[in-house]
Amino acid sequence: MRILVTGGAGFIGSDFIRYWLSKYKEDEIVNLDALTYAGNLENLREVKDNPNYKFVKGDICNAKLVNKLVKGVDLIINFAAETHVDRSIADSADFIRANVEGTRVLLDAAKNNGKIRFHHISTDEVFGHLEAGDAPFNETTPYNPRSPYSASKAAADHLVRAYFHTYGLPITISSCSNNYGPFANPEKFIPLAITNILQGKKIPLYGAGENIRDWINVRDHNRGIEAIIKKGKIGETYCLGGGGEMTNLALAKKILALMNEPPFAKAAEDKPEDKIEFIADRPGHDQRYAIDSAKAQRELGWKKEINFETGLKETIEWYKDNREWWDRSIKN
């Protein structure tokens, strides 16, 4: 099988490429990435010399390039997106362009070149937010995006489904909770917390730190994408979650506690509260996300395999051992 992966130099996309090529050694992957601030070819060092891997620097909004690359492709997986909520609040233009227009270009290329199988990576943020006691998001939850980022992703999802209903394009969509693991850009909360502590800085928390998130290891997420590609029903959406909710304050304290344990004893002070800084809340900050993955478990046989605390410890160790990588990312 020949796969076009867009945004494959980013955090989740690069993990997918590493995972897929290690498991499906006969498959070929073409990675199209514009290498904006979140794209990093160092994430793909272990596959760069693989004869079944090819990198192309380019923009998914470039229709001529995209149509050239999809020739002979069996599957398109669209990871490419602007994803950081704070950046979208400051300026939404790049989010509309990449997440909406870029998705349209890819869909047209898939439609016009033999109706290529298309899998689109979405987010739980398209559903809005939950209050205490609300049932977790699932595939039937109405869309209610509350930030320019989530609105752009919701628009892209609607386009993907429209191409299925209007043109018969074979599509699937996955909506996932917050990812963590190695190679995540240091602007994201978990790597930001870890790298700040390693630099002797405090962990910044919006408001009182009571916003709740559901965390999933990036490898479990990509195993879910694999299951959708192999077993998913065309036209369907599948929700993938970590199955555990936690406030940002509780997570910050957990990170500090883990970094006070061997071999991280020198990375943080004895009093966790001394390493937390409460800052002004983000406008329109979603209170709670939670994902119900029952459909994926039932129809695909997927479930998460990586315990959160185990995965978090491994993530802390990776950032501790790869300071040069994240130091360059911060400077960029």
C-alpha atoms as a PDB file:
ATOM      1  CA  MET A   1       0.000   0.000   0.000  1.00  0.00           C
ATOM      2  CA  ARG A   2       1.157   3.529  -0.796  1.00  0.00           C
ATOM      3  CA  ILE A   3       0.101   6.229   1.682  1.00  0.00           C
ATOM      4  CA  LEU A   4       0.233  10.014   1.505  1.00  0.00           C
ATOM      5  CA  VAL A   5       0.580  11.404   5.032  1.00  0.00           C
ATOM      6  CA  THR A   6       0.107  15.146   5.391  1.00  0.00           C
ATOM      7  CA  GLY A   7       1.649  16.901   8.381  1.00  0.00           C
ATOM      8  CA  GLY A   8       3.887  13.923   8.993  1.00  0.00           C
ATOM      9  CA  ALA A   9       6.712  15.968  10.535  1.00  0.00           C
ATOM     10  CA  GLY A  10       4.524  17.024  13.439  1.00  0.00           C
ATOM     11  CA  PHE A  11       4.053  15.313  16.786  1.00  0.00           C
ATOM     12  CA  ILE A  12       1.232  12.849  15.995  1.00  0.00           C
ATOM     13  CA  GLY A  13       1.964  12.427  12.294  1.00  0.00           C
ATOM     14  CA  SER A  14       5.630  11.569  12.833  1.00  0.00           C
ATOM     15  CA  ASP A  15       4.717   8.968  15.445  1.00  0.00           C
ATOM     16  CA  PHE A  16       2.276   7.431  12.961  1.00  0.00           C
ATOM     17  CA  ILE A  17       4.971   7.208  10.280  1.00  0.00           C
ATOM     18  CA  ARG A  18       7.500   5.631  12.640  1.00  0.00           C
ATOM     19  CA  TYR A  19       4.893   3.160  13.888  1.00  0.00           C
ATOM     20  CA  TRP A  20       3.498   2.237  10.476  1.00  0.00           C
ATOM     21  CA  LEU A  21       6.846   1.691   8.743  1.00  0.00           C
ATOM     22  CA  SER A  22       8.073  -0.445  11.644  1.00  0.00           C
ATOM     23  CA  LYS A  23       5.010  -2.693  11.354  1.00  0.00           C
ATOM     24  CA  TYR A  24       4.153  -2.657   7.649  1.00  0.00           C
ATOM     25  CA  LYS A  25       7.567  -2.952   6.082  1.00  0.00           C
ATOM     26  CA  GLU A  26       6.303  -3.368   2.515  1.00  0.00           C
ATOM     27  CA  ASP A  27       4.172  -0.213   2.552  1.00  0.00           C
ATOM     28  CA  GLU A  28       5.391   3.120   1.204  1.00  0.00           C
ATOM     29  CA  ILE A  29       4.785   6.519   2.793  1.00  0.00           C
ATOM     30  CA  VAL A  30       5.086   9.936   1.205  1.00  0.00           C
ATOM     31  CA  ASN A  31       5.173  12.650   3.865  1.00  0.00           C
ATOM     32  CA  LEU A  32       3.979  16.098   2.775  1.00  0.00           C
ATOM     33  CA  ASP A  33       4.739  18.788   5.346  1.00  0.00           C
ATOM     34  CA  ALA A  34       5.270  22.540   5.095  1.00  0.00           C
ATOM     35  CA  LEU A  35       7.674  22.486   8.069  1.00  0.00           C
ATOM     36  CA  THR A  36       6.057  25.356   9.908  1.00  0.00           C
ATOM     37  CA  TYR A  37       7.108  25.920  13.532  1.00  0.00           C
ATOM     38  CA  ALA A  38       5.524  22.623  14.693  1.00  0.00           C
ATOM     39  CA  GLY A  39       7.043  20.468  11.940  1.00  0.00           C
ATOM     40  CA  ASN A  40      10.452  18.984  12.650  1.00  0.00           C
ATOM     41  CA  LEU A  41      12.337  16.507  10.474  1.00  0.00           C
ATOM     42  CA  GLU A  42      14.345  15.424  13.525  1.00  0.00           C
ATOM     43  CA  ASN A  43      11.170  13.610  14.571  1.00  0.00           C
ATOM     44  CA  LEU A  44      11.783  11.245  11.639  1.00  0.00           C
ATOM     45  CA  ARG A  45      15.496  10.540  11.949  1.00  0.00           C
ATOM     46  CA  GLU A  46      14.931   6.821  12.378  1.00  0.00           C
ATOM     47  CA  VAL A  47      13.073   6.492   9.044  1.00  0.00           C
ATOM     48  CA  LYS A  48      14.805   9.093   6.854  1.00  0.00           C
ATOM     49  CA  ASP A  49      16.982   6.445   5.176  1.00  0.00           C
ATOM     50  CA  ASN A  50      14.148   3.934   4.777  1.00  0.00           C
ATOM     51  CA  PRO A  51      13.726   3.299   1.028  1.00  0.00           C
ATOM     52  CA  ASN A  52       9.939   3.151   1.525  1.00  0.00           C
ATOM     53  CA  TYR A  53       9.811   6.665   2.985  1.00  0.00           C
ATOM     54  CA  LYS A  54       9.896   9.934   1.056  1.00  0.00           C
ATOM     55  CA  PHE A  55       9.640  13.474   2.384  1.00  0.00           C
ATOM     56  CA  VAL A  56       8.241  16.335   0.309  1.00  0.00           C
ATOM     57  CA  LYS A  57       8.305  19.874   1.660  1.00  0.00           C
ATOM     58  CA  GLY A  58       5.149  21.617   0.600  1.00  0.00           C
ATOM     59  CA  ASP A  59       1.808  23.170   1.462  1.00  0.00           C
ATOM     60  CA  ILE A  60      -1.447  21.196   1.418  1.00  0.00           C
ATOM     61  CA  CYS A  61      -3.071  24.313  -0.079  1.00  0.00           C
ATOM     62  CA  ASN A  62      -0.881  23.887  -3.182  1.00  0.00           C
ATOM     63  CA  ALA A  63      -3.358  22.054  -5.426  1.00  0.00           C
ATOM     64  CA  LYS A  64      -0.831  21.423  -8.214  1.00  0.00           C
ATOM     65  CA  LEU A  65       1.606  19.739  -5.830  1.00  0.00           C
ATOM     66  CA  VAL A  66      -1.066  17.765  -4.014  1.00  0.00           C
ATOM     67  CA  ASN A  67      -2.554  16.435  -7.261  1.00  0.00           C
ATOM     68  CA  LYS A  68       0.898  15.352  -8.369  1.00  0.00           C
ATOM     69  CA  LEU A  69       1.588  13.513  -5.113  1.00  0.00           C
ATOM     70  CA  VAL A  70      -1.693  11.595  -4.972  1.00  0.00           C
ATOM     71  CA  LYS A  71      -0.987   9.776  -8.233  1.00  0.00           C
ATOM     72  CA  GLY A  72      -0.727   6.081  -7.400  1.00  0.00           C
ATOM     73  CA  VAL A  73      -1.663   6.610  -3.743  1.00  0.00           C
ATOM     74  CA  ASP A  74      -4.054   4.144  -2.070  1.00  0.00           C
ATOM     75  CA  LEU A  75      -4.739   6.145   1.088  1.00  0.00           C
ATOM     76  CA  ILE A  76      -4.495   9.757   2.273  1.00  0.00           C
ATOM     77  CA  ILE A  77      -4.220  10.486   6.009  1.00  0.00           C
ATOM     78  CA  ASN A  78      -4.609  14.145   6.871  1.00  0.00           C
ATOM     79  CA  PHE A  79      -2.734  15.087  10.045  1.00  0.00           C
ATOM     80  CA  ALA A  80      -1.828  18.538   8.705  1.00  0.00           C
ATOM     81  CA  ALA A  81      -3.372  21.298  10.809  1.00  0.00           C
ATOM     82  CA  GLU A  82      -2.743  24.382  12.849  1.00  0.00           C
ATOM     83  CA  THR A  83      -3.624  23.186  16.349  1.00  0.00           C
ATOM     84  CA  HIS A  84      -2.699  25.596  19.120  1.00  0.00           C
ATOM     85  CA  VAL A  85      -5.756  27.300  20.607  1.00  0.00           C
ATOM     86  CA  ASP A  86      -3.855  30.319  21.938  1.00  0.00           C
ATOM     87  CA  ARG A  87      -2.410  31.025  18.497  1.00  0.00           C
ATOM     88  CA  SER A  88      -5.873  30.787  16.942  1.00  0.00           C
ATOM     89  CA  ILE A  89      -7.210  33.330  19.431  1.00  0.00           C
ATOM     90  CA  ALA A  90      -4.423  35.742  18.537  1.00  0.00           C
ATOM     91  CA  ASP A  91      -4.921  35.309  14.767  1.00  0.00           C
ATOM     92  CA  SER A  92      -7.275  32.817  13.130  1.00  0.00           C
ATOM     93  CA  ALA A  93      -6.207  33.356   9.500  1.00  0.00           C
ATOM     94  CA  ASP A  94      -3.621  30.552   9.345  1.00  0.00           C
ATOM     95  CA  PHE A  95      -6.106  28.151  10.953  1.00  0.00           C
ATOM     96  CA  ILE A  96      -8.815  28.822   8.382  1.00  0.00           C
ATOM     97  CA  ARG A  97      -6.341  28.493   5.542  1.00  0.00           C
ATOM     98  CA  ALA A  98      -4.622  25.282   6.652  1.00  0.00           C
ATOM     99  CA  ASN A  99      -7.475  23.492   8.378  1.00  0.00           C
ATOM    100  CA  VAL A 100     -10.332  24.372   6.030  1.00  0.00           C
ATOM    101  CA  GLU A 101      -8.875  25.324   2.650  1.00  0.00           C
ATOM    102  CA  GLY A 102      -6.075  22.751   2.965  1.00  0.00           C
ATOM    103  CA  THR A 103      -8.592  20.005   3.693  1.00  0.00           C
ATOM    104  CA  ARG A 104     -10.674  21.071   0.676  1.00  0.00           C
ATOM    105  CA  VAL A 105      -7.639  20.850  -1.605  1.00  0.00           C
ATOM    106  CA  LEU A 106      -6.850  17.354  -0.339  1.00  0.00           C
ATOM    107  CA  LEU A 107     -10.463  16.225  -0.717  1.00  0.00           C
ATOM    108  CA  ASP A 108     -10.646  17.508  -4.287  1.00  0.00           C
ATOM    109  CA  ALA A 109      -7.408  15.717  -5.133  1.00  0.00           C
ATOM    110  CA  ALA A 110      -8.749  12.485  -3.626  1.00  0.00           C
ATOM    111  CA  LYS A 111     -12.060  12.886  -5.498  1.00  0.00           C
ATOM    112  CA  ASN A 112     -10.504  13.739  -8.857  1.00  0.00           C
ATOM    113  CA  ASN A 113      -7.888  10.978  -8.832  1.00  0.00           C
ATOM    114  CA  GLY A 114      -9.979   7.845  -8.499  1.00  0.00           C
ATOM    115  CA  LYS A 115     -11.763   8.518  -5.199  1.00  0.00           C
ATOM    116  CA  ILE A 116      -8.806   7.720  -2.965  1.00  0.00           C
ATOM    117  CA  ARG A 117      -9.551   6.457   0.537  1.00  0.00           C
ATOM    118  CA  PHE A 118      -9.315   9.457   2.882  1.00  0.00           C
ATOM    119  CA  HIS A 119      -8.865   9.473   6.658  1.00  0.00           C
ATOM    120  CA  HIS A 120      -9.152  12.784   8.474  1.00  0.00           C
ATOM    121  CA  ILE A 121      -7.736  13.519  11.929  1.00  0.00           C
ATOM    122  CA  SER A 122     -10.116  15.626  13.996  1.00  0.00           C
ATOM    123  CA  THR A 123     -10.298  16.546  17.693  1.00  0.00           C
ATOM    124  CA  ASP A 124     -12.662  16.327  20.646  1.00  0.00           C
ATOM    125  CA  GLU A 125     -12.684  20.132  20.740  1.00  0.00           C
ATOM    126  CA  VAL A 126     -15.202  20.268  17.873  1.00  0.00           C
ATOM    127  CA  PHE A 127     -17.841  19.157  20.388  1.00  0.00           C
ATOM    128  CA  GLY A 128     -17.369  22.186  22.626  1.00  0.00           C
ATOM    129  CA  HIS A 129     -17.040  21.513  26.326  1.00  0.00           C
ATOM    130  CA  LEU A 130     -18.704  19.597  29.139  1.00  0.00           C
ATOM    131  CA  GLU A 131     -19.939  20.540  32.566  1.00  0.00           C
ATOM    132  CA  ALA A 132     -19.549  18.356  35.650  1.00  0.00           C
ATOM    133  CA  GLY A 133     -21.898  15.405  35.381  1.00  0.00           C
ATOM    134  CA  ASP A 134     -22.301  15.612  31.591  1.00  0.00           C
ATOM    135  CA  ALA A 135     -21.857  12.377  29.655  1.00  0.00           C
ATOM    136  CA  PRO A 136     -18.568  12.176  27.701  1.00  0.00           C
ATOM    137  CA  PHE A 137     -18.464  13.101  24.027  1.00  0.00           C
ATOM    138  CA  ASN A 138     -19.296  10.378  21.546  1.00  0.00           C
ATOM    139  CA  GLU A 139     -19.833  10.147  17.804  1.00  0.00           C
ATOM    140  CA  THR A 140     -23.395  11.519  18.049  1.00  0.00           C
ATOM    141  CA  THR A 141     -22.526  14.579  20.170  1.00  0.00           C
ATOM    142  CA  PRO A 142     -23.606  17.782  18.367  1.00  0.00           C
ATOM    143  CA  TYR A 143     -20.821  20.067  17.218  1.00  0.00           C
ATOM    144  CA  ASN A 144     -20.368  23.209  19.311  1.00  0.00           C
ATOM    145  CA  PRO A 145     -16.854  24.612  18.716  1.00  0.00           C
ATOM    146  CA  ARG A 146     -15.871  27.491  20.992  1.00  0.00           C
ATOM    147  CA  SER A 147     -12.496  28.696  19.664  1.00  0.00           C
ATOM    148  CA  PRO A 148     -11.262  29.675  16.192  1.00  0.00           C
ATOM    149  CA  TYR A 149      -9.130  26.504  16.213  1.00  0.00           C
ATOM    150  CA  SER A 150     -11.993  24.138  17.008  1.00  0.00           C
ATOM    151  CA  ALA A 151     -14.295  26.002  14.605  1.00  0.00           C
ATOM    152  CA  SER A 152     -11.784  25.483  11.783  1.00  0.00           C
ATOM    153  CA  LYS A 153     -11.539  21.770  12.594  1.00  0.00           C
ATOM    154  CA  ALA A 154     -15.333  21.474  12.743  1.00  0.00           C
ATOM    155  CA  ALA A 155     -15.588  23.114   9.318  1.00  0.00           C
ATOM    156  CA  ALA A 156     -13.040  20.644   7.941  1.00  0.00           C
ATOM    157  CA  ASP A 157     -14.995  17.700   9.393  1.00  0.00           C
ATOM    158  CA  HIS A 158     -18.179  18.933   7.734  1.00  0.00           C
ATOM    159  CA  LEU A 159     -16.352  19.194   4.400  1.00  0.00           C
ATOM    160  CA  VAL A 160     -15.035  15.650   4.729  1.00  0.00           C
ATOM    161  CA  ARG A 161     -18.527  14.289   5.393  1.00  0.00           C
ATOM    162  CA  ALA A 162     -19.974  16.389   2.559  1.00  0.00           C
ATOM    163  CA  TYR A 163     -17.546  14.780   0.094  1.00  0.00           C
ATOM    164  CA  PHE A 164     -18.699  11.355   1.282  1.00  0.00           C
ATOM    165  CA  HIS A 165     -22.392  12.154   0.820  1.00  0.00           C
ATOM    166  CA  THR A 166     -22.067  14.251  -2.356  1.00  0.00           C
ATOM    167  CA  TYR A 167     -19.309  12.468  -4.262  1.00  0.00           C
ATOM    168  CA  GLY A 168     -19.129   9.036  -2.650  1.00  0.00           C
ATOM    169  CA  LEU A 169     -15.560   9.658  -1.470  1.00  0.00           C
ATOM    170  CA  PRO A 170     -14.534   6.831   0.898  1.00  0.00           C
ATOM    171  CA  ILE A 171     -13.772   8.716   4.112  1.00  0.00           C
ATOM    172  CA  THR A 172     -13.407   8.111   7.838  1.00  0.00           C
ATOM    173  CA  ILE A 173     -12.818  10.585  10.661  1.00  0.00           C
ATOM    174  CA  SER A 174     -11.227  10.137  14.092  1.00  0.00           C
ATOM    175  CA  SER A 175     -11.863  12.524  16.981  1.00  0.00           C
ATOM    176  CA  CYS A 176      -9.298  12.177  19.727  1.00  0.00           C
ATOM    177  CA  SER A 177      -8.631  13.540  23.196  1.00  0.00           C
ATOM    178  CA  ASN A 178      -5.407  15.324  24.216  1.00  0.00           C
ATOM    179  CA  ASN A 179      -2.252  13.497  23.124  1.00  0.00           C
ATOM    180  CA  TYR A 180       1.006  13.243  25.049  1.00  0.00           C
ATOM    181  CA  GLY A 181       4.341  11.551  24.445  1.00  0.00           C
ATOM    182  CA  PRO A 182       7.806  12.192  22.959  1.00  0.00           C
ATOM    183  CA  PHE A 183       8.308  14.816  20.234  1.00  0.00           C
ATOM    184  CA  ALA A 184       5.342  17.005  21.260  1.00  0.00           C
ATOM    185  CA  ASN A 185       6.052  20.688  20.666  1.00  0.00           C
ATOM    186  CA  PRO A 186       6.985  22.435  23.939  1.00  0.00           C
ATOM    187  CA  GLU A 187       4.093  24.892  23.601  1.00  0.00           C
ATOM    188  CA  LYS A 188       1.695  22.037  24.537  1.00  0.00           C
ATOM    189  CA  PHE A 189       0.864  21.670  28.218  1.00  0.00           C
ATOM    190  CA  ILE A 190       2.677  18.467  29.252  1.00  0.00           C
ATOM    191  CA  PRO A 191       5.971  19.202  27.445  1.00  0.00           C
ATOM    192  CA  LEU A 192       5.721  22.846  28.529  1.00  0.00           C
ATOM    193  CA  ALA A 193       5.409  21.762  32.159  1.00  0.00           C
ATOM    194  CA  ILE A 194       8.304  19.304  31.903  1.00  0.00           C
ATOM    195  CA  THR A 195      10.674  21.613  30.033  1.00  0.00           C
ATOM    196  CA  ASN A 196       9.886  24.564  32.301  1.00  0.00           C
ATOM    197  CA  ILE A 197      10.787  22.514  35.371  1.00  0.00           C
ATOM    198  CA  LEU A 198      13.978  21.314  33.698  1.00  0.00           C
ATOM    199  CA  GLN A 199      14.869  24.979  33.076  1.00  0.00           C
ATOM    200  CA  GLY A 200      14.084  26.029  36.636  1.00  0.00           C
ATOM    201  CA  LYS A 201      10.892  27.828  35.631  1.00  0.00           C
ATOM    202  CA  LYS A 202       7.339  27.519  36.921  1.00  0.00           C
ATOM    203  CA  ILE A 203       4.455  25.673  35.276  1.00  0.00           C
ATOM    204  CA  PRO A 204       1.873  28.220  34.024  1.00  0.00           C
ATOM    205  CA  LEU A 205      -1.758  27.329  34.724  1.00  0.00           C
ATOM    206  CA  TYR A 206      -4.758  29.198  33.362  1.00  0.00           C
ATOM    207  CA  GLY A 207      -7.208  30.447  35.998  1.00  0.00           C
ATOM    208  CA  ALA A 208      -7.324  28.131  38.992  1.00  0.00           C
ATOM    209  CA  GLY A 209      -6.133  25.124  36.984  1.00  0.00           C
ATOM    210  CA  GLU A 210      -9.532  23.430  37.296  1.00  0.00           C
ATOM    211  CA  ASN A 211     -10.066  22.774  33.579  1.00  0.00           C
ATOM    212  CA  ILE A 212     -10.350  19.035  32.943  1.00  0.00           C
ATOM    213  CA  ARG A 213      -8.758  17.093  30.101  1.00  0.00           C
ATOM    214  CA  ASP A 214      -8.655  13.455  29.010  1.00  0.00           C
ATOM    215  CA  TRP A 215      -5.144  12.321  28.008  1.00  0.00           C
ATOM    216  CA  ILE A 216      -4.135   9.578  25.587  1.00  0.00           C
ATOM    217  CA  ASN A 217      -0.656   8.410  24.632  1.00  0.00           C
ATOM    218  CA  VAL A 218       0.165   9.295  21.035  1.00  0.00           C
ATOM    219  CA  ARG A 219       0.982   5.662  20.221  1.00  0.00           C
ATOM    220  CA  ASP A 220      -2.427   4.492  21.458  1.00  0.00           C
ATOM    221  CA  HIS A 221      -3.982   7.190  19.270  1.00  0.00           C
ATOM    222  CA  ASN A 222      -2.100   5.972  16.212  1.00  0.00           C
ATOM    223  CA  ARG A 223      -3.029   2.370  16.952  1.00  0.00           C
ATOM    224  CA  GLY A 224      -6.603   3.628  16.873  1.00  0.00           C
ATOM    225  CA  ILE A 225      -6.034   5.223  13.479  1.00  0.00           C
ATOM    226  CA  GLU A 226      -4.562   1.932  12.284  1.00  0.00           C
ATOM    227  CA  ALA A 227      -7.689   0.099  13.486  1.00  0.00           C
ATOM    228  CA  ILE A 228      -9.940   2.563  11.642  1.00  0.00           C
ATOM    229  CA  ILE A 229      -7.940   2.167   8.432  1.00  0.00           C
ATOM    230  CA  LYS A 230      -8.034  -1.621   8.671  1.00  0.00           C
ATOM    231  CA  LYS A 231     -11.547  -2.184  10.076  1.00  0.00           C
ATOM    232  CA  GLY A 232     -13.460   1.106  10.075  1.00  0.00           C
ATOM    233  CA  LYS A 233     -16.731   1.548   8.212  1.00  0.00           C
ATOM    234  CA  ILE A 234     -16.590   4.046   5.361  1.00  0.00           C
ATOM    235  CA  GLY A 235     -18.396   7.283   6.181  1.00  0.00           C
ATOM    236  CA  GLU A 236     -18.100   6.797   9.943  1.00  0.00           C
ATOM    237  CA  THR A 237     -16.458   8.765  12.750  1.00  0.00           C
ATOM    238  CA  TYR A 238     -14.670   7.057  15.659  1.00  0.00           C
ATOM    239  CA  CYS A 239     -13.863   8.694  19.000  1.00  0.00           C
ATOM    240  CA  LEU A 240     -10.556   7.730  20.652  1.00  0.00           C
ATOM    241  CA  GLY A 241      -9.928   8.662  24.269  1.00  0.00           C
ATOM    242  CA  GLY A 242      -7.633   7.868  27.149  1.00  0.00           C
ATOM    243  CA  GLY A 243     -10.446   7.061  29.555  1.00  0.00           C
ATOM    244  CA  GLY A 244      -9.148   9.190  32.414  1.00  0.00           C
ATOM    245  CA  GLU A 245     -10.009  12.775  33.276  1.00  0.00           C
ATOM    246  CA  MET A 246      -7.756  15.061  35.254  1.00  0.00           C
ATOM    247  CA  THR A 247      -7.659  18.765  36.117  1.00  0.00           C
ATOM    248  CA  ASN A 248      -4.695  20.717  34.807  1.00  0.00           C
ATOM    249  CA  LEU A 249      -3.709  21.463  38.413  1.00  0.00           C
ATOM    250  CA  ALA A 250      -3.746  17.772  39.343  1.00  0.00           C
ATOM    251  CA  LEU A 251      -1.683  16.966  36.251  1.00  0.00           C
ATOM    252  CA  ALA A 252       0.872  19.675  37.056  1.00  0.00           C
ATOM    253  CA  LYS A 253       1.243  18.271  40.578  1.00  0.00           C
ATOM    254  CA  LYS A 254       1.587  14.729  39.186  1.00  0.00           C
ATOM    255  CA  ILE A 255       4.359  15.846  36.827  1.00  0.00           C
ATOM    256  CA  LEU A 256       6.153  17.581  39.694  1.00  0.00           C
ATOM    257  CA  ALA A 257       5.786  14.520  41.903  1.00  0.00           C
ATOM    258  CA  LEU A 258       7.182  12.238  39.213  1.00  0.00           C
ATOM    259  CA  MET A 259      10.069  14.593  38.574  1.00  0.00           C
ATOM    260  CA  ASN A 260      10.915  14.565  42.276  1.00  0.00           C
ATOM    261  CA  GLU A 261      11.313  10.801  42.162  1.00  0.00           C
ATOM    262  CA  PRO A 262      14.528   9.104  40.986  1.00  0.00           C
ATOM    263  CA  PRO A 263      15.918   9.664  38.432  1.00  0.00           C
ATOM    264  CA  PHE A 264      14.321  13.130  38.382  1.00  0.00           C
ATOM    265  CA  ALA A 265      15.062  14.222  41.948  1.00  0.00           C
ATOM    266  CA  LYS A 266      17.102  17.243  40.905  1.00  0.00           C
ATOM    267  CA  ALA A 267      14.538  18.557  38.432  1.00  0.00           C
ATOM    268  CA  ALA A 268      12.066  20.119  40.873  1.00  0.00           C
ATOM    269  CA  GLU A 269      11.893  21.553  44.354  1.00  0.00           C
ATOM    270  CA  ASP A 270      10.307  19.751  47.284  1.00  0.00           C
ATOM    271  CA  LYS A 271       7.184  21.922  47.377  1.00  0.00           C
ATOM    272  CA  PRO A 272       5.151  21.469  44.176  1.00  0.00           C
ATOM    273  CA  GLU A 273       3.136  24.667  44.756  1.00  0.00           C
ATOM    274  CA  ASP A 274       6.362  26.670  44.545  1.00  0.00           C
ATOM    275  CA  LYS A 275       6.671  25.552  40.922  1.00  0.00           C
ATOM    276  CA  ILE A 276       3.156  26.500  39.755  1.00  0.00           C
ATOM    277  CA  GLU A 277       2.166  29.939  38.498  1.00  0.00           C
ATOM    278  CA  PHE A 278      -1.500  30.824  38.030  1.00  0.00           C
ATOM    279  CA  ILE A 279      -2.068  33.178  35.095  1.00  0.00           C
ATOM    280  CA  ALA A 280      -5.053  34.990  33.563  1.00  0.00           C
ATOM    281  CA  ASP A 281      -7.488  32.553  32.016  1.00  0.00           C
ATOM    282  CA  ARG A 282      -7.754  32.017  28.270  1.00  0.00           C
ATOM    283  CA  PRO A 283     -10.799  33.669  26.607  1.00  0.00           C
ATOM    284  CA  GLY A 284     -13.625  31.147  26.191  1.00  0.00           C
ATOM    285  CA  HIS A 285     -11.604  28.427  27.924  1.00  0.00           C
ATOM    286  CA  ASP A 286     -13.384  25.065  27.604  1.00  0.00           C
ATOM    287  CA  GLN A 287     -14.057  23.598  31.027  1.00  0.00           C
ATOM    288  CA  ARG A 288     -13.961  19.857  30.422  1.00  0.00           C
ATOM    289  CA  TYR A 289     -13.282  17.314  27.696  1.00  0.00           C
ATOM    290  CA  ALA A 290     -14.025  13.595  27.991  1.00  0.00           C
ATOM    291  CA  ILE A 291     -14.287  10.923  25.301  1.00  0.00           C
ATOM    292  CA  ASP A 292     -16.444   7.783  25.183  1.00  0.00           C
ATOM    293  CA  SER A 293     -14.501   5.272  23.055  1.00  0.00           C
ATOM    294  CA  ALA A 294     -17.126   2.504  23.259  1.00  0.00           C
ATOM    295  CA  LYS A 295     -17.798   2.483  19.511  1.00  0.00           C
ATOM    296  CA  ALA A 296     -14.112   2.046  18.626  1.00  0.00           C
ATOM    297  CA  GLN A 297     -13.761  -0.676  21.230  1.00  0.00           C
ATOM    298  CA  ARG A 298     -16.892  -2.478  20.048  1.00  0.00           C
ATOM    299  CA  GLU A 299     -16.488  -2.190  16.275  1.00  0.00           C
ATOM    300  CA  LEU A 300     -12.697  -2.089  15.880  1.00  0.00           C
ATOM    301  CA  GLY A 301     -11.464  -4.066  18.873  1.00  0.00           C
ATOM    302  CA  TRP A 302      -9.330  -1.077  19.850  1.00  0.00           C
ATOM    303  CA  LYS A 303      -8.492  -0.026  23.376  1.00  0.00           C
ATOM    304  CA  LYS A 304      -5.727   1.983  24.958  1.00  0.00           C
ATOM    305  CA  GLU A 305      -2.742  -0.073  26.107  1.00  0.00           C
ATOM    306  CA  ILE A 306      -0.453   2.468  27.773  1.00  0.00           C
ATOM    307  CA  ASN A 307      -1.172   3.317  31.410  1.00  0.00           C
ATOM    308  CA  PHE A 308      -1.149   7.096  31.865  1.00  0.00           C
ATOM    309  CA  GLU A 309       1.362   7.224  34.713  1.00  0.00           C
ATOM    310  CA  THR A 310       3.702   4.803  32.926  1.00  0.00           C
ATOM    311  CA  GLY A 311       3.458   6.803  29.709  1.00  0.00           C
ATOM    312  CA  LEU A 312       3.949  10.070  31.574  1.00  0.00           C
ATOM    313  CA  LYS A 313       7.110   8.782  33.271  1.00  0.00           C
ATOM    314  CA  GLU A 314       8.486   7.679  29.892  1.00  0.00           C
ATOM    315  CA  THR A 315       7.612  11.084  28.428  1.00  0.00           C
ATOM    316  CA  ILE A 316       9.407  12.922  31.235  1.00  0.00           C
ATOM    317  CA  GLU A 317      12.474  10.767  30.709  1.00  0.00           C
ATOM    318  CA  TRP A 318      12.438  11.440  26.968  1.00  0.00           C
ATOM    319  CA  TYR A 319      12.401  15.219  27.461  1.00  0.00           C
ATOM    320  CA  LYS A 320      15.107  14.925  30.075  1.00  0.00           C
ATOM    321  CA  ASP A 321      17.288  12.972  27.633  1.00  0.00           C
ATOM    322  CA  ASN A 322      16.556  15.129  24.567  1.00  0.00           C
ATOM    323  CA  ARG A 323      17.175  18.672  25.717  1.00  0.00           C
ATOM    324  CA  GLU A 324      18.859  19.667  22.460  1.00  0.00           C
ATOM    325  CA  TRP A 325      15.690  18.747  20.537  1.00  0.00           C
ATOM    326  CA  TRP A 326      13.263  20.763  22.654  1.00  0.00           C
ATOM    327  CA  ASP A 327      15.698  23.615  23.216  1.00  0.00           C
ATOM    328  CA  ARG A 328      15.824  24.159  19.435  1.00  0.00           C
ATOM    329  CA  SER A 329      12.028  23.876  19.265  1.00  0.00           C
ATOM    330  CA  ILE A 330      11.616  26.588  21.890  1.00  0.00           C
ATOM    331  CA  LYS A 331      14.011  28.902  20.041  1.00  0.00           C
ATOM    332  CA  ASN A 332      12.091  28.374  16.800  1.00  0.00           C
END
